[in-house]
Amino acid sequence: MAAGYEKTGVAPSDVGDTSSLSYVIHDVDLDRQTQLLQNEIEREIAASQPLVTDKIPTAQLQSEYALDDKIYQDKVAELMKKYKYIRRTRGDGNCFYRAFAFGYLEKNLINKKELDRFRQLTYDLKDQLVKLGYQDFTLEDVRSVVIEIIDNISKEGTEQSLIENFCSPSYSNYFVAYLRLFVSGYLQMNREFFENFIEDGKSIKEFCCTEVEPMERESDNIHIIALTKAAVVPLRVIYMDRSQQSSLTIHDFAGTDEGTNENFEPMITMLYRPGHYDLLYEN
């Protein structure tokens, strides 16, 4: 054996092709860098964007788009005719659920009967999820926090106390997580209807595990339909995008199976711009 190989007992020719190992190391390094970058972006968003803001005039949206951006400037002008204020939510993938929770509770600050109805739905959800195979102990803590928020609002809720609750991640994120379970439970209990809308060959259970329950997963129409039906809360979404259509697009989501009509009255109204939901308030 050559002296240069005595320490390892392996000659270079015995090692084989190391190129595949290099690719693995390179991929791992890229994954680590990507995760670090993602973490930094999330920290910057958290530092610059509160989970929920105070109301601001919708006129401020005009400054977000170039003056010569006619499509958006025209749509903002149309929006201002009916909606005076907007309340922003953090763009963290949970914006739809956070806007829904805040908008619902704000609308019913002094409506104890409605809050009691929703509280009972919230309480009953855990037992429904247990029947679907979820572990009781994993649901109890989340439900307790949500019930606590509802009870506090019912007793002495104000807009300011609601903002404080929803700007606290320990409260706000628990509410978001439980609303995600509302959606998951409703989809699974109505799988025969919703499975026709699931792509990529996923089962309803797989879809819920990957696209509904994880925090920061964005929402689509299927999530909106399920939550409005599960919570029995009518919702209006104003879509504002770069389509050439001059007018805003309005989508109404009924809280029951009766559907919508010209007399539709939403409990919550949201503004949707590609990838993000905020709350809207009429003049």
Protein backbone atom coordinates (compact mmCIF):
# COMPACT_ATOMS: atom_id res chain seq x y z
CA MET A 1 0.00 0.00 0.00
CA ALA A 2 1.36 3.40 -0.86
CA ALA A 3 2.51 5.47 2.11
CA GLY A 4 0.17 8.33 1.21
CA TYR A 5 -2.88 6.16 1.84
CA GLU A 6 -1.89 4.49 5.12
CA LYS A 7 -3.90 6.77 7.44
CA THR A 8 -7.27 6.03 5.84
CA GLY A 9 -6.66 2.77 4.12
CA VAL A 10 -8.62 4.15 1.16
CA ALA A 11 -7.04 5.08 -2.11
CA PRO A 12 -8.55 7.89 -4.22
CA SER A 13 -9.75 5.37 -6.74
CA ASP A 14 -11.76 3.63 -4.00
CA VAL A 15 -13.73 6.73 -3.04
CA GLY A 16 -15.79 6.83 -6.21
CA ASP A 17 -17.67 9.77 -7.75
CA THR A 18 -18.33 12.49 -5.14
CA SER A 19 -20.26 14.79 -7.47
CA SER A 20 -23.65 13.62 -6.21
CA LEU A 21 -22.56 14.30 -2.62
CA SER A 22 -21.56 17.82 -3.65
CA TYR A 23 -25.02 18.39 -5.09
CA VAL A 24 -26.63 17.22 -1.83
CA ILE A 25 -24.45 19.52 0.26
CA HIS A 26 -25.19 22.39 -2.12
CA ASP A 27 -28.95 21.76 -1.93
CA VAL A 28 -28.86 21.59 1.87
CA ASP A 29 -26.94 24.86 1.98
CA LEU A 30 -29.46 26.52 -0.36
CA ASP A 31 -32.35 25.26 1.76
CA ARG A 32 -30.70 26.70 4.86
CA GLN A 33 -30.11 30.05 3.17
CA THR A 34 -33.69 30.13 1.89
CA GLN A 35 -35.05 29.44 5.38
CA LEU A 36 -32.84 32.12 6.92
CA LEU A 37 -34.01 34.61 4.29
CA GLN A 38 -37.63 33.67 4.92
CA ASN A 39 -37.15 34.12 8.66
CA GLU A 40 -35.61 37.55 8.08
CA ILE A 41 -38.51 38.60 5.83
CA GLU A 42 -41.01 37.46 8.48
CA ARG A 43 -39.15 39.46 11.15
CA GLU A 44 -39.21 42.56 8.97
CA ILE A 45 -42.94 42.15 8.29
CA ALA A 46 -43.66 41.66 12.00
CA ALA A 47 -41.66 44.77 12.86
CA SER A 48 -43.31 46.98 10.24
CA GLN A 49 -46.88 45.66 10.12
CA PRO A 50 -49.14 45.26 13.16
CA LEU A 51 -51.44 42.26 13.05
CA VAL A 52 -54.43 44.64 12.87
CA THR A 53 -54.37 48.42 12.42
CA ASP A 54 -56.71 51.24 13.30
CA LYS A 55 -59.15 52.35 10.61
CA ILE A 56 -57.64 54.61 7.97
CA PRO A 57 -59.40 56.50 5.14
CA THR A 58 -59.65 54.51 1.93
CA ALA A 59 -58.34 57.65 0.20
CA GLN A 60 -54.90 56.66 1.45
CA LEU A 61 -54.92 53.80 -1.04
CA GLN A 62 -54.42 56.36 -3.80
CA SER A 63 -50.88 56.99 -2.64
CA GLU A 64 -50.02 53.30 -2.97
CA TYR A 65 -50.31 53.42 -6.74
CA ALA A 66 -48.63 55.64 -9.30
CA LEU A 67 -50.68 58.64 -10.35
CA ASP A 68 -50.57 57.47 -13.95
CA ASP A 69 -51.71 53.93 -12.99
CA LYS A 70 -55.18 54.55 -14.37
CA ILE A 71 -56.53 51.06 -13.71
CA TYR A 72 -55.89 51.16 -9.98
CA GLN A 73 -56.55 54.87 -9.51
CA ASP A 74 -59.97 54.48 -11.12
CA LYS A 75 -60.79 51.49 -8.96
CA VAL A 76 -59.69 53.23 -5.77
CA ALA A 77 -61.89 56.19 -6.74
CA GLU A 78 -64.84 53.84 -7.22
CA LEU A 79 -64.12 52.15 -3.89
CA MET A 80 -64.12 55.51 -2.09
CA LYS A 81 -67.66 56.24 -3.25
CA LYS A 82 -69.07 53.57 -0.95
CA TYR A 83 -66.36 52.67 1.54
CA LYS A 84 -64.91 55.34 3.79
CA TYR A 85 -62.43 53.34 5.85
CA ILE A 86 -60.12 50.37 5.53
CA ARG A 87 -58.53 48.38 8.36
CA ARG A 88 -55.31 46.63 7.37
CA THR A 89 -54.22 43.19 8.50
CA ARG A 90 -50.69 41.81 8.39
CA GLY A 91 -49.78 40.10 5.12
CA ASP A 92 -48.61 36.86 6.68
CA GLY A 93 -50.83 34.28 4.98
CA ASN A 94 -53.35 34.49 7.82
CA CYS A 95 -54.92 37.77 6.73
CA PHE A 96 -58.27 36.31 5.62
CA TYR A 97 -58.88 34.49 8.90
CA ARG A 98 -57.66 37.40 11.02
CA ALA A 99 -59.85 39.87 9.12
CA PHE A 100 -62.83 37.52 9.44
CA ALA A 101 -62.38 37.08 13.20
CA PHE A 102 -61.84 40.78 13.90
CA GLY A 103 -64.60 41.92 11.56
CA TYR A 104 -67.10 39.49 13.06
CA LEU A 105 -66.37 40.41 16.68
CA GLU A 106 -66.27 44.13 15.90
CA LYS A 107 -69.65 43.95 14.17
CA ASN A 108 -71.17 42.24 17.20
CA LEU A 109 -69.53 44.10 20.08
CA ILE A 110 -72.93 44.86 21.59
CA ASN A 111 -74.89 41.97 20.08
CA LYS A 112 -74.79 39.47 22.93
CA LYS A 113 -77.29 37.12 21.28
CA GLU A 114 -75.11 36.74 18.19
CA LEU A 115 -71.95 36.33 20.27
CA ASP A 116 -73.67 33.61 22.33
CA ARG A 117 -74.60 31.80 19.10
CA PHE A 118 -71.04 31.91 17.83
CA ARG A 119 -69.68 30.92 21.23
CA GLN A 120 -71.81 27.77 21.17
CA LEU A 121 -70.56 26.94 17.66
CA THR A 122 -67.01 27.41 18.89
CA TYR A 123 -67.63 25.19 21.90
CA ASP A 124 -69.27 22.42 19.86
CA LEU A 125 -66.54 22.36 17.20
CA LYS A 126 -64.09 20.46 19.40
CA ASP A 127 -66.43 17.49 19.81
CA GLN A 128 -67.07 17.43 16.04
CA LEU A 129 -63.35 17.38 15.36
CA VAL A 130 -62.77 14.60 17.89
CA LYS A 131 -65.30 12.48 15.96
CA LEU A 132 -63.20 13.14 12.84
CA GLY A 133 -60.13 11.70 14.58
CA TYR A 134 -58.49 14.73 16.20
CA GLN A 135 -56.95 14.44 19.66
CA ASP A 136 -59.02 16.05 22.40
CA PHE A 137 -56.06 17.47 24.32
CA THR A 138 -54.64 19.22 21.24
CA LEU A 139 -57.88 21.17 20.78
CA GLU A 140 -58.77 22.11 24.34
CA ASP A 141 -56.17 24.85 24.86
CA VAL A 142 -56.98 26.55 21.56
CA ARG A 143 -60.72 26.45 22.22
CA SER A 144 -60.25 27.83 25.71
CA VAL A 145 -58.40 30.90 24.43
CA VAL A 146 -61.04 31.58 21.75
CA ILE A 147 -63.87 31.20 24.28
CA GLU A 148 -62.03 33.58 26.61
CA ILE A 149 -61.79 36.23 23.88
CA ILE A 150 -65.49 35.89 23.02
CA ASP A 151 -66.49 36.11 26.70
CA ASN A 152 -64.33 39.19 27.29
CA ILE A 153 -65.83 40.91 24.26
CA SER A 154 -69.33 39.94 25.33
CA LYS A 155 -68.85 41.40 28.82
CA GLU A 156 -67.04 44.66 28.18
CA GLY A 157 -65.76 44.71 24.65
CA THR A 158 -64.70 47.89 22.93
CA GLU A 159 -63.03 48.51 19.60
CA GLN A 160 -59.80 49.38 21.39
CA SER A 161 -59.77 46.24 23.54
CA LEU A 162 -60.47 44.18 20.43
CA ILE A 163 -57.49 45.76 18.65
CA GLU A 164 -55.30 45.03 21.68
CA ASN A 165 -56.41 41.38 21.69
CA PHE A 166 -55.80 40.95 18.00
CA CYS A 167 -52.41 42.65 18.06
CA SER A 168 -51.30 40.09 20.64
CA PRO A 169 -50.04 36.98 18.80
CA SER A 170 -50.85 34.73 21.76
CA TYR A 171 -54.55 35.61 21.37
CA SER A 172 -54.83 36.50 17.70
CA ASN A 173 -53.05 33.45 16.33
CA TYR A 174 -55.10 31.08 18.48
CA PHE A 175 -58.27 32.54 17.00
CA VAL A 176 -56.84 32.16 13.49
CA ALA A 177 -55.86 28.56 14.19
CA TYR A 178 -59.36 27.72 15.44
CA LEU A 179 -61.03 29.30 12.41
CA ARG A 180 -58.78 27.13 10.25
CA LEU A 181 -60.18 24.14 12.14
CA PHE A 182 -63.71 25.43 11.45
CA VAL A 183 -62.89 25.29 7.74
CA SER A 184 -61.21 21.90 7.97
CA GLY A 185 -64.09 20.36 9.90
CA TYR A 186 -66.71 21.75 7.52
CA LEU A 187 -64.85 20.52 4.44
CA GLN A 188 -64.44 17.03 5.89
CA MET A 189 -68.06 16.80 7.01
CA ASN A 190 -69.14 17.84 3.50
CA ARG A 191 -66.46 15.99 1.57
CA GLU A 192 -68.81 14.65 -1.11
CA PHE A 193 -69.52 18.19 -2.30
CA PHE A 194 -66.08 19.73 -1.90
CA GLU A 195 -63.93 16.88 -3.23
CA ASN A 196 -64.94 17.93 -6.76
CA PHE A 197 -63.03 21.18 -6.28
CA ILE A 198 -59.78 19.68 -5.00
CA GLU A 199 -56.94 19.47 -7.51
CA ASP A 200 -53.77 17.35 -7.67
CA GLY A 201 -55.63 14.19 -6.72
CA LYS A 202 -55.62 15.03 -3.01
CA SER A 203 -58.29 13.70 -0.69
CA ILE A 204 -60.22 16.20 1.41
CA LYS A 205 -58.22 15.11 4.47
CA GLU A 206 -54.91 15.64 2.65
CA PHE A 207 -56.06 19.03 1.40
CA CYS A 208 -57.01 20.09 4.92
CA CYS A 209 -53.70 18.90 6.35
CA THR A 210 -51.61 20.77 3.77
CA GLU A 211 -53.70 23.75 2.61
CA VAL A 212 -56.08 24.62 5.44
CA GLU A 213 -54.79 23.85 8.92
CA PRO A 214 -51.14 25.02 8.70
CA MET A 215 -50.67 28.63 9.74
CA GLU A 216 -49.65 31.09 7.02
CA ARG A 217 -51.30 29.09 4.23
CA GLU A 218 -53.25 31.49 2.04
CA SER A 219 -56.98 31.21 1.41
CA ASP A 220 -59.00 30.72 -1.75
CA ASN A 221 -62.71 30.59 -2.52
CA ILE A 222 -63.08 27.09 -1.11
CA HIS A 223 -61.83 28.27 2.28
CA ILE A 224 -64.13 31.29 2.21
CA ILE A 225 -67.20 29.24 1.32
CA ALA A 226 -66.47 26.72 4.06
CA LEU A 227 -65.91 29.33 6.78
CA THR A 228 -68.95 31.46 5.97
CA LYS A 229 -71.12 28.33 5.97
CA ALA A 230 -69.55 26.83 9.10
CA ALA A 231 -69.87 30.08 11.06
CA VAL A 232 -73.15 31.11 9.37
CA VAL A 233 -71.73 34.57 8.69
CA PRO A 234 -72.50 36.33 5.36
CA LEU A 235 -69.45 37.94 3.77
CA ARG A 236 -68.84 40.34 0.90
CA VAL A 237 -65.46 40.49 -0.83
CA ILE A 238 -64.56 43.40 -3.10
CA TYR A 239 -61.93 42.29 -5.60
CA MET A 240 -59.52 44.94 -6.83
CA ASP A 241 -56.92 43.78 -9.34
CA ARG A 242 -55.25 44.87 -12.55
CA SER A 243 -57.89 43.45 -14.87
CA GLN A 244 -59.00 45.85 -17.58
CA GLN A 245 -62.55 45.70 -16.27
CA SER A 246 -63.26 49.24 -15.13
CA SER A 247 -65.53 48.39 -12.23
CA LEU A 248 -64.76 46.54 -9.03
CA THR A 249 -65.79 42.89 -8.83
CA ILE A 250 -68.09 41.94 -5.94
CA HIS A 251 -68.42 38.40 -4.64
CA ASP A 252 -71.02 37.63 -1.98
CA PHE A 253 -70.73 34.52 0.18
CA ALA A 254 -73.93 33.49 1.94
CA GLY A 255 -73.85 32.08 5.44
CA THR A 256 -76.63 29.60 4.61
CA ASP A 257 -77.63 27.45 1.65
CA GLU A 258 -80.28 29.97 0.61
CA GLY A 259 -77.74 31.78 -1.56
CA THR A 260 -77.49 35.50 -2.26
CA ASN A 261 -79.81 38.05 -3.88
CA GLU A 262 -80.03 41.79 -4.46
CA ASN A 263 -80.98 42.31 -0.81
CA PHE A 264 -77.87 40.55 0.46
CA GLU A 265 -76.54 42.13 3.66
CA PRO A 266 -73.00 41.10 4.62
CA MET A 267 -71.94 40.99 8.23
CA ILE A 268 -68.33 41.54 7.15
CA THR A 269 -66.90 43.24 4.07
CA MET A 270 -63.34 42.71 2.88
CA LEU A 271 -61.13 44.19 0.21
CA TYR A 272 -59.11 41.64 -1.73
CA ARG A 273 -56.02 42.65 -3.62
CA PRO A 274 -53.92 39.84 -5.12
CA GLY A 275 -52.75 37.72 -2.20
CA HIS A 276 -54.18 39.87 0.61
CA TYR A 277 -57.39 40.69 2.52
CA ASP A 278 -58.25 43.84 4.53
CA LEU A 279 -61.49 45.02 6.14
CA LEU A 280 -63.75 47.66 4.59
CA TYR A 281 -66.29 49.98 6.20
CA GLU A 282 -69.13 51.69 4.36
CA ASN A 283 -69.65 55.46 4.41
